[in-house]
Amino acid sequence: MMNEELGYEVEVDRIIDAYLYTIKVSMDENRGVLVVMYLCKIIKRVGGFELIGEAGKAKFQQFSFDEINALNMPEFYKKAIMRVNE
């Protein structure tokens, strides 16, 4: 997945968190999607970012830990990112 989406070969360090994410207006995700968040070590670059995927256009940008609360993403992702910084 990291190969395809981000263009990196990675090694999983550990699981950070898991969350059952429900999207009520979705036809295939209204019963929930299990999201497992991992801390990974980058091994090497093997490709580029996938800029247009199944969910449409992607946007990549760098942010600091201080900026996480202002990001437009579900809270469970923010908590997982902050947990890595502890």
PDB file of N, CA and C in Angstrom:
ATOM      1  N   MET A   1       0.825  -1.200   0.000  1.00  0.00           N
ATOM      2  CA  MET A   1       0.000   0.000   0.000  1.00  0.00           C
ATOM      3  C   MET A   1       0.866   1.259   0.000  1.00  0.00           C
ATOM      4  N   MET A   2       1.874   1.322   0.823  1.00  0.00           N
ATOM      5  CA  MET A   2       2.743   2.504   0.834  1.00  0.00           C
ATOM      6  C   MET A   2       3.488   2.635  -0.488  1.00  0.00           C
ATOM      7  N   ASN A   3       3.831   1.486  -1.075  1.00  0.00           N
ATOM      8  CA  ASN A   3       4.467   1.466  -2.391  1.00  0.00           C
ATOM      9  C   ASN A   3       3.565   2.138  -3.415  1.00  0.00           C
ATOM     10  N   GLU A   4       2.331   1.680  -3.466  1.00  0.00           N
ATOM     11  CA  GLU A   4       1.380   2.142  -4.475  1.00  0.00           C
ATOM     12  C   GLU A   4       0.966   3.592  -4.248  1.00  0.00           C
ATOM     13  N   GLU A   5       0.624   3.932  -3.023  1.00  0.00           N
ATOM     14  CA  GLU A   5       0.065   5.252  -2.725  1.00  0.00           C
ATOM     15  C   GLU A   5       1.125   6.344  -2.578  1.00  0.00           C
ATOM     16  N   LEU A   6       2.229   6.037  -1.908  1.00  0.00           N
ATOM     17  CA  LEU A   6       3.218   7.065  -1.583  1.00  0.00           C
ATOM     18  C   LEU A   6       4.574   6.872  -2.243  1.00  0.00           C
ATOM     19  N   GLY A   7       4.804   5.703  -2.814  1.00  0.00           N
ATOM     20  CA  GLY A   7       6.066   5.472  -3.482  1.00  0.00           C
ATOM     21  C   GLY A   7       7.228   5.156  -2.559  1.00  0.00           C
ATOM     22  N   TYR A   8       6.944   4.568  -1.401  1.00  0.00           N
ATOM     23  CA  TYR A   8       7.998   4.195  -0.451  1.00  0.00           C
ATOM     24  C   TYR A   8       7.898   2.717  -0.092  1.00  0.00           C
ATOM     25  N   GLU A   9       9.038   2.075   0.031  1.00  0.00           N
ATOM     26  CA  GLU A   9       9.095   0.755   0.654  1.00  0.00           C
ATOM     27  C   GLU A   9       9.324   1.021   2.134  1.00  0.00           C
ATOM     28  N   VAL A  10       8.491   0.422   2.978  1.00  0.00           N
ATOM     29  CA  VAL A  10       8.578   0.680   4.417  1.00  0.00           C
ATOM     30  C   VAL A  10       8.658  -0.609   5.212  1.00  0.00           C
ATOM     31  N   GLU A  11       9.065  -0.456   6.455  1.00  0.00           N
ATOM     32  CA  GLU A  11       9.072  -1.555   7.415  1.00  0.00           C
ATOM     33  C   GLU A  11       8.208  -1.104   8.597  1.00  0.00           C
ATOM     34  N   VAL A  12       7.236  -1.925   8.979  1.00  0.00           N
ATOM     35  CA  VAL A  12       6.353  -1.571  10.088  1.00  0.00           C
ATOM     36  C   VAL A  12       7.116  -1.698  11.401  1.00  0.00           C
ATOM     37  N   ASP A  13       7.065  -0.626  12.188  1.00  0.00           N
ATOM     38  CA  ASP A  13       7.685  -0.620  13.511  1.00  0.00           C
ATOM     39  C   ASP A  13       6.701  -1.162  14.551  1.00  0.00           C
ATOM     40  N   ARG A  14       5.497  -0.555  14.580  1.00  0.00           N
ATOM     41  CA  ARG A  14       4.473  -1.006  15.531  1.00  0.00           C
ATOM     42  C   ARG A  14       3.104  -0.427  15.159  1.00  0.00           C
ATOM     43  N   ILE A  15       2.059  -1.066  15.675  1.00  0.00           N
ATOM     44  CA  ILE A  15       0.697  -0.540  15.527  1.00  0.00           C
ATOM     45  C   ILE A  15       0.515   0.585  16.530  1.00  0.00           C
ATOM     46  N   ILE A  16      -0.007   1.703  16.069  1.00  0.00           N
ATOM     47  CA  ILE A  16      -0.257   2.856  16.934  1.00  0.00           C
ATOM     48  C   ILE A  16      -1.684   2.818  17.471  1.00  0.00           C
ATOM     49  N   ASP A  17      -2.651   2.502  16.612  1.00  0.00           N
ATOM     50  CA  ASP A  17      -4.056   2.513  17.026  1.00  0.00           C
ATOM     51  C   ASP A  17      -4.896   1.813  15.954  1.00  0.00           C
ATOM     52  N   ALA A  18      -6.125   1.510  16.302  1.00  0.00           N
ATOM     53  CA  ALA A  18      -7.102   0.968  15.352  1.00  0.00           C
ATOM     54  C   ALA A  18      -8.445   1.612  15.664  1.00  0.00           C
ATOM     55  N   TYR A  19      -9.248   1.820  14.634  1.00  0.00           N
ATOM     56  CA  TYR A  19     -10.522   2.508  14.799  1.00  0.00           C
ATOM     57  C   TYR A  19     -11.503   1.994  13.754  1.00  0.00           C
ATOM     58  N   LEU A  20     -12.741   1.754  14.168  1.00  0.00           N
ATOM     59  CA  LEU A  20     -13.799   1.380  13.235  1.00  0.00           C
ATOM     60  C   LEU A  20     -14.473   2.669  12.775  1.00  0.00           C
ATOM     61  N   TYR A  21     -14.200   3.044  11.545  1.00  0.00           N
ATOM     62  CA  TYR A  21     -14.666   4.316  10.980  1.00  0.00           C
ATOM     63  C   TYR A  21     -15.912   4.063  10.145  1.00  0.00           C
ATOM     64  N   THR A  22     -17.004   4.713  10.484  1.00  0.00           N
ATOM     65  CA  THR A  22     -18.275   4.550   9.784  1.00  0.00           C
ATOM     66  C   THR A  22     -18.591   5.801   8.981  1.00  0.00           C
ATOM     67  N   ILE A  23     -18.902   5.609   7.715  1.00  0.00           N
ATOM     68  CA  ILE A  23     -19.317   6.705   6.843  1.00  0.00           C
ATOM     69  C   ILE A  23     -20.761   6.408   6.453  1.00  0.00           C
ATOM     70  N   LYS A  24     -21.693   7.037   7.151  1.00  0.00           N
ATOM     71  CA  LYS A  24     -23.112   6.706   7.013  1.00  0.00           C
ATOM     72  C   LYS A  24     -23.669   6.941   5.609  1.00  0.00           C
ATOM     73  N   VAL A  25     -23.139   7.906   4.864  1.00  0.00           N
ATOM     74  CA  VAL A  25     -23.669   8.212   3.533  1.00  0.00           C
ATOM     75  C   VAL A  25     -23.007   7.389   2.431  1.00  0.00           C
ATOM     76  N   SER A  26     -22.099   6.496   2.792  1.00  0.00           N
ATOM     77  CA  SER A  26     -21.412   5.664   1.804  1.00  0.00           C
ATOM     78  C   SER A  26     -22.156   4.345   1.618  1.00  0.00           C
ATOM     79  N   MET A  27     -22.209   3.869   0.372  1.00  0.00           N
ATOM     80  CA  MET A  27     -22.893   2.606   0.105  1.00  0.00           C
ATOM     81  C   MET A  27     -22.075   1.406   0.582  1.00  0.00           C
ATOM     82  N   ASP A  28     -20.741   1.493   0.519  1.00  0.00           N
ATOM     83  CA  ASP A  28     -19.936   0.339   0.895  1.00  0.00           C
ATOM     84  C   ASP A  28     -19.191   0.498   2.218  1.00  0.00           C
ATOM     85  N   GLU A  29     -19.221   1.687   2.819  1.00  0.00           N
ATOM     86  CA  GLU A  29     -18.520   1.900   4.080  1.00  0.00           C
ATOM     87  C   GLU A  29     -19.466   2.303   5.219  1.00  0.00           C
ATOM     88  N   ASN A  30     -20.761   2.143   5.012  1.00  0.00           N
ATOM     89  CA  ASN A  30     -21.724   2.561   6.024  1.00  0.00           C
ATOM     90  C   ASN A  30     -21.774   1.617   7.227  1.00  0.00           C
ATOM     91  N   ARG A  31     -21.192   0.430   7.091  1.00  0.00           N
ATOM     92  CA  ARG A  31     -21.143  -0.512   8.212  1.00  0.00           C
ATOM     93  C   ARG A  31     -19.801  -0.436   8.933  1.00  0.00           C
ATOM     94  N   GLY A  32     -18.893   0.347   8.396  1.00  0.00           N
ATOM     95  CA  GLY A  32     -17.607   0.574   9.036  1.00  0.00           C
ATOM     96  C   GLY A  32     -16.428   0.027   8.261  1.00  0.00           C
ATOM     97  N   VAL A  33     -15.322   0.716   8.413  1.00  0.00           N
ATOM     98  CA  VAL A  33     -14.047   0.323   7.825  1.00  0.00           C
ATOM     99  C   VAL A  33     -13.042   0.298   8.975  1.00  0.00           C
ATOM    100  N   LEU A  34     -12.337  -0.797   9.122  1.00  0.00           N
ATOM    101  CA  LEU A  34     -11.327  -0.888  10.166  1.00  0.00           C
ATOM    102  C   LEU A  34     -10.069  -0.181   9.678  1.00  0.00           C
ATOM    103  N   VAL A  35      -9.712   0.901  10.373  1.00  0.00           N
ATOM    104  CA  VAL A  35      -8.521   1.676  10.039  1.00  0.00           C
ATOM    105  C   VAL A  35      -7.459   1.324  11.076  1.00  0.00           C
ATOM    106  N   VAL A  36      -6.336   0.777  10.610  1.00  0.00           N
ATOM    107  CA  VAL A  36      -5.220   0.434  11.490  1.00  0.00           C
ATOM    108  C   VAL A  36      -4.076   1.375  11.143  1.00  0.00           C
ATOM    109  N   MET A  37      -3.579   2.086  12.151  1.00  0.00           N
ATOM    110  CA  MET A  37      -2.513   3.060  11.944  1.00  0.00           C
ATOM    111  C   MET A  37      -1.199   2.516  12.491  1.00  0.00           C
ATOM    112  N   TYR A  38      -0.178   2.545  11.658  1.00  0.00           N
ATOM    113  CA  TYR A  38       1.129   1.986  11.973  1.00  0.00           C
ATOM    114  C   TYR A  38       2.192   3.072  11.981  1.00  0.00           C
ATOM    115  N   LEU A  39       3.212   2.893  12.795  1.00  0.00           N
ATOM    116  CA  LEU A  39       4.422   3.687  12.689  1.00  0.00           C
ATOM    117  C   LEU A  39       5.358   2.897  11.795  1.00  0.00           C
ATOM    118  N   CYS A  40       5.852   3.512  10.739  1.00  0.00           N
ATOM    119  CA  CYS A  40       6.700   2.823   9.769  1.00  0.00           C
ATOM    120  C   CYS A  40       8.045   3.514   9.630  1.00  0.00           C
ATOM    121  N   LYS A  41       9.033   2.716   9.283  1.00  0.00           N
ATOM    122  CA  LYS A  41      10.368   3.206   8.972  1.00  0.00           C
ATOM    123  C   LYS A  41      10.520   3.148   7.460  1.00  0.00           C
ATOM    124  N   ILE A  42      10.932   4.249   6.856  1.00  0.00           N
ATOM    125  CA  ILE A  42      11.128   4.275   5.410  1.00  0.00           C
ATOM    126  C   ILE A  42      12.417   3.529   5.074  1.00  0.00           C
ATOM    127  N   ILE A  43      12.298   2.569   4.169  1.00  0.00           N
ATOM    128  CA  ILE A  43      13.451   1.799   3.707  1.00  0.00           C
ATOM    129  C   ILE A  43      14.074   2.480   2.492  1.00  0.00           C
ATOM    130  N   LYS A  44      13.230   2.738   1.470  1.00  0.00           N
ATOM    131  CA  LYS A  44      13.735   3.428   0.284  1.00  0.00           C
ATOM    132  C   LYS A  44      12.574   3.951  -0.555  1.00  0.00           C
ATOM    133  N   ARG A  45      12.885   4.913  -1.386  1.00  0.00           N
ATOM    134  CA  ARG A  45      11.918   5.478  -2.330  1.00  0.00           C
ATOM    135  C   ARG A  45      11.870   4.560  -3.547  1.00  0.00           C
ATOM    136  N   VAL A  46      10.660   4.188  -3.965  1.00  0.00           N
ATOM    137  CA  VAL A  46      10.510   3.281  -5.106  1.00  0.00           C
ATOM    138  C   VAL A  46       9.559   3.826  -6.176  1.00  0.00           C
ATOM    139  N   GLY A  47       9.026   5.011  -5.958  1.00  0.00           N
ATOM    140  CA  GLY A  47       8.084   5.585  -6.914  1.00  0.00           C
ATOM    141  C   GLY A  47       7.700   6.986  -6.483  1.00  0.00           C
ATOM    142  N   GLY A  48       6.551   7.436  -6.952  1.00  0.00           N
ATOM    143  CA  GLY A  48       6.056   8.765  -6.617  1.00  0.00           C
ATOM    144  C   GLY A  48       4.704   8.703  -5.934  1.00  0.00           C
ATOM    145  N   PHE A  49       4.243   9.853  -5.468  1.00  0.00           N
ATOM    146  CA  PHE A  49       2.924   9.946  -4.845  1.00  0.00           C
ATOM    147  C   PHE A  49       1.835   9.654  -5.870  1.00  0.00           C
ATOM    148  N   GLU A  50       0.785   8.952  -5.437  1.00  0.00           N
ATOM    149  CA  GLU A  50      -0.386   8.746  -6.298  1.00  0.00           C
ATOM    150  C   GLU A  50      -1.270   9.976  -6.126  1.00  0.00           C
ATOM    151  N   LEU A  51      -1.294  10.837  -7.116  1.00  0.00           N
ATOM    152  CA  LEU A  51      -2.004  12.111  -6.996  1.00  0.00           C
ATOM    153  C   LEU A  51      -3.495  12.001  -7.284  1.00  0.00           C
ATOM    154  N   ILE A  52      -3.902  10.992  -8.040  1.00  0.00           N
ATOM    155  CA  ILE A  52      -5.327  10.762  -8.277  1.00  0.00           C
ATOM    156  C   ILE A  52      -5.583   9.277  -8.049  1.00  0.00           C
ATOM    157  N   GLY A  53      -6.386   8.975  -7.022  1.00  0.00           N
ATOM    158  CA  GLY A  53      -6.673   7.590  -6.667  1.00  0.00           C
ATOM    159  C   GLY A  53      -8.156   7.306  -6.675  1.00  0.00           C
ATOM    160  N   GLU A  54      -8.545   6.232  -5.983  1.00  0.00           N
ATOM    161  CA  GLU A  54      -9.951   5.820  -5.937  1.00  0.00           C
ATOM    162  C   GLU A  54     -10.849   6.893  -5.333  1.00  0.00           C
ATOM    163  N   ALA A  55     -10.333   7.662  -4.389  1.00  0.00           N
ATOM    164  CA  ALA A  55     -11.133   8.680  -3.711  1.00  0.00           C
ATOM    165  C   ALA A  55     -11.042  10.039  -4.390  1.00  0.00           C
ATOM    166  N   GLY A  56     -10.346  10.114  -5.512  1.00  0.00           N
ATOM    167  CA  GLY A  56     -10.210  11.380  -6.224  1.00  0.00           C
ATOM    168  C   GLY A  56      -8.818  11.963  -6.066  1.00  0.00           C
ATOM    169  N   LYS A  57      -8.726  13.262  -6.220  1.00  0.00           N
ATOM    170  CA  LYS A  57      -7.445  13.977  -6.184  1.00  0.00           C
ATOM    171  C   LYS A  57      -6.892  14.010  -4.757  1.00  0.00           C
ATOM    172  N   ALA A  58      -5.600  13.749  -4.625  1.00  0.00           N
ATOM    173  CA  ALA A  58      -4.934  13.774  -3.321  1.00  0.00           C
ATOM    174  C   ALA A  58      -4.085  15.032  -3.205  1.00  0.00           C
ATOM    175  N   LYS A  59      -3.927  15.486  -1.963  1.00  0.00           N
ATOM    176  CA  LYS A  59      -3.095  16.653  -1.693  1.00  0.00           C
ATOM    177  C   LYS A  59      -2.108  16.272  -0.595  1.00  0.00           C
ATOM    178  N   PHE A  60      -0.827  16.472  -0.852  1.00  0.00           N
ATOM    179  CA  PHE A  60       0.211  16.154   0.119  1.00  0.00           C
ATOM    180  C   PHE A  60       0.898  17.434   0.556  1.00  0.00           C
ATOM    181  N   GLN A  61       1.062  17.579   1.865  1.00  0.00           N
ATOM    182  CA  GLN A  61       1.814  18.718   2.371  1.00  0.00           C
ATOM    183  C   GLN A  61       2.386  18.368   3.733  1.00  0.00           C
ATOM    184  N   GLN A  62       3.462  19.033   4.074  1.00  0.00           N
ATOM    185  CA  GLN A  62       4.125  18.795   5.349  1.00  0.00           C
ATOM    186  C   GLN A  62       3.457  19.641   6.425  1.00  0.00           C
ATOM    187  N   PHE A  63       3.394  19.117   7.656  1.00  0.00           N
ATOM    188  CA  PHE A  63       2.839  19.868   8.779  1.00  0.00           C
ATOM    189  C   PHE A  63       3.609  19.498  10.037  1.00  0.00           C
ATOM    190  N   SER A  64       3.558  20.399  11.009  1.00  0.00           N
ATOM    191  CA  SER A  64       4.225  20.150  12.287  1.00  0.00           C
ATOM    192  C   SER A  64       3.213  19.565  13.274  1.00  0.00           C
ATOM    193  N   PHE A  65       3.711  19.017  14.371  1.00  0.00           N
ATOM    194  CA  PHE A  65       2.806  18.494  15.396  1.00  0.00           C
ATOM    195  C   PHE A  65       1.907  19.595  15.956  1.00  0.00           C
ATOM    196  N   ASP A  66       2.391  20.826  16.002  1.00  0.00           N
ATOM    197  CA  ASP A  66       1.599  21.954  16.512  1.00  0.00           C
ATOM    198  C   ASP A  66       0.410  22.287  15.610  1.00  0.00           C
ATOM    199  N   GLU A  67       0.452  21.877  14.361  1.00  0.00           N
ATOM    200  CA  GLU A  67      -0.610  22.189  13.398  1.00  0.00           C
ATOM    201  C   GLU A  67      -1.675  21.101  13.273  1.00  0.00           C
ATOM    202  N   ILE A  68      -1.506  19.987  13.946  1.00  0.00           N
ATOM    203  CA  ILE A  68      -2.393  18.832  13.755  1.00  0.00           C
ATOM    204  C   ILE A  68      -3.850  19.148  14.056  1.00  0.00           C
ATOM    205  N   ASN A  69      -4.144  19.840  15.137  1.00  0.00           N
ATOM    206  CA  ASN A  69      -5.543  20.105  15.504  1.00  0.00           C
ATOM    207  C   ASN A  69      -6.290  20.917  14.455  1.00  0.00           C
ATOM    208  N   ALA A  70      -5.584  21.695  13.650  1.00  0.00           N
ATOM    209  CA  ALA A  70      -6.227  22.519  12.625  1.00  0.00           C
ATOM    210  C   ALA A  70      -6.443  21.764  11.308  1.00  0.00           C
ATOM    211  N   LEU A  71      -5.900  20.561  11.190  1.00  0.00           N
ATOM    212  CA  LEU A  71      -6.030  19.811   9.938  1.00  0.00           C
ATOM    213  C   LEU A  71      -7.454  19.290   9.735  1.00  0.00           C
ATOM    214  N   ASN A  72      -7.873  19.194   8.481  1.00  0.00           N
ATOM    215  CA  ASN A  72      -9.198  18.697   8.128  1.00  0.00           C
ATOM    216  C   ASN A  72      -9.129  17.176   7.968  1.00  0.00           C
ATOM    217  N   MET A  73      -9.235  16.474   9.104  1.00  0.00           N
ATOM    218  CA  MET A  73      -9.218  15.011   9.108  1.00  0.00           C
ATOM    219  C   MET A  73      -9.947  14.530  10.351  1.00  0.00           C
ATOM    220  N   PRO A  74     -10.431  13.294  10.360  1.00  0.00           N
ATOM    221  CA  PRO A  74     -11.111  12.768  11.534  1.00  0.00           C
ATOM    222  C   PRO A  74     -10.209  12.803  12.780  1.00  0.00           C
ATOM    223  N   GLU A  75     -10.825  13.000  13.928  1.00  0.00           N
ATOM    224  CA  GLU A  75     -10.098  13.126  15.196  1.00  0.00           C
ATOM    225  C   GLU A  75      -9.250  11.901  15.523  1.00  0.00           C
ATOM    226  N   PHE A  76      -9.712  10.704  15.160  1.00  0.00           N
ATOM    227  CA  PHE A  76      -8.939   9.514  15.513  1.00  0.00           C
ATOM    228  C   PHE A  76      -7.574   9.505  14.826  1.00  0.00           C
ATOM    229  N   TYR A  77      -7.479  10.092  13.627  1.00  0.00           N
ATOM    230  CA  TYR A  77      -6.168  10.212  12.966  1.00  0.00           C
ATOM    231  C   TYR A  77      -5.266  11.174  13.740  1.00  0.00           C
ATOM    232  N   LYS A  78      -5.824  12.289  14.165  1.00  0.00           N
ATOM    233  CA  LYS A  78      -5.049  13.290  14.912  1.00  0.00           C
ATOM    234  C   LYS A  78      -4.501  12.690  16.207  1.00  0.00           C
ATOM    235  N   LYS A  79      -5.343  11.945  16.907  1.00  0.00           N
ATOM    236  CA  LYS A  79      -4.906  11.312  18.163  1.00  0.00           C
ATOM    237  C   LYS A  79      -3.784  10.312  17.921  1.00  0.00           C
ATOM    238  N   ALA A  80      -3.872   9.541  16.835  1.00  0.00           N
ATOM    239  CA  ALA A  80      -2.842   8.561  16.520  1.00  0.00           C
ATOM    240  C   ALA A  80      -1.515   9.251  16.195  1.00  0.00           C
ATOM    241  N   ILE A  81      -1.581  10.337  15.440  1.00  0.00           N
ATOM    242  CA  ILE A  81      -0.362  11.089  15.103  1.00  0.00           C
ATOM    243  C   ILE A  81       0.272  11.647  16.372  1.00  0.00           C
ATOM    244  N   MET A  82      -0.539  12.199  17.255  1.00  0.00           N
ATOM    245  CA  MET A  82      -0.013  12.767  18.502  1.00  0.00           C
ATOM    246  C   MET A  82       0.580  11.666  19.387  1.00  0.00           C
ATOM    247  N   ARG A  83       0.010  10.491  19.351  1.00  0.00           N
ATOM    248  CA  ARG A  83       0.517   9.373  20.161  1.00  0.00           C
ATOM    249  C   ARG A  83       1.952   9.009  19.760  1.00  0.00           C
ATOM    250  N   VAL A  84       2.269   9.141  18.489  1.00  0.00           N
ATOM    251  CA  VAL A  84       3.621   8.863  18.002  1.00  0.00           C
ATOM    252  C   VAL A  84       4.618   9.856  18.603  1.00  0.00           C
ATOM    253  N   ASN A  85       4.183  11.068  18.829  1.00  0.00           N
ATOM    254  CA  ASN A  85       5.054  12.133  19.332  1.00  0.00           C
ATOM    255  C   ASN A  85       5.270  12.051  20.855  1.00  0.00           C
ATOM    256  N   GLU A  86       4.565  11.164  21.543  1.00  0.00           N
ATOM    257  CA  GLU A  86       4.676  11.089  23.009  1.00  0.00           C
ATOM    258  C   GLU A  86       5.990  10.467  23.434  1.00  0.00           C
TER     259      GLU A  86
END
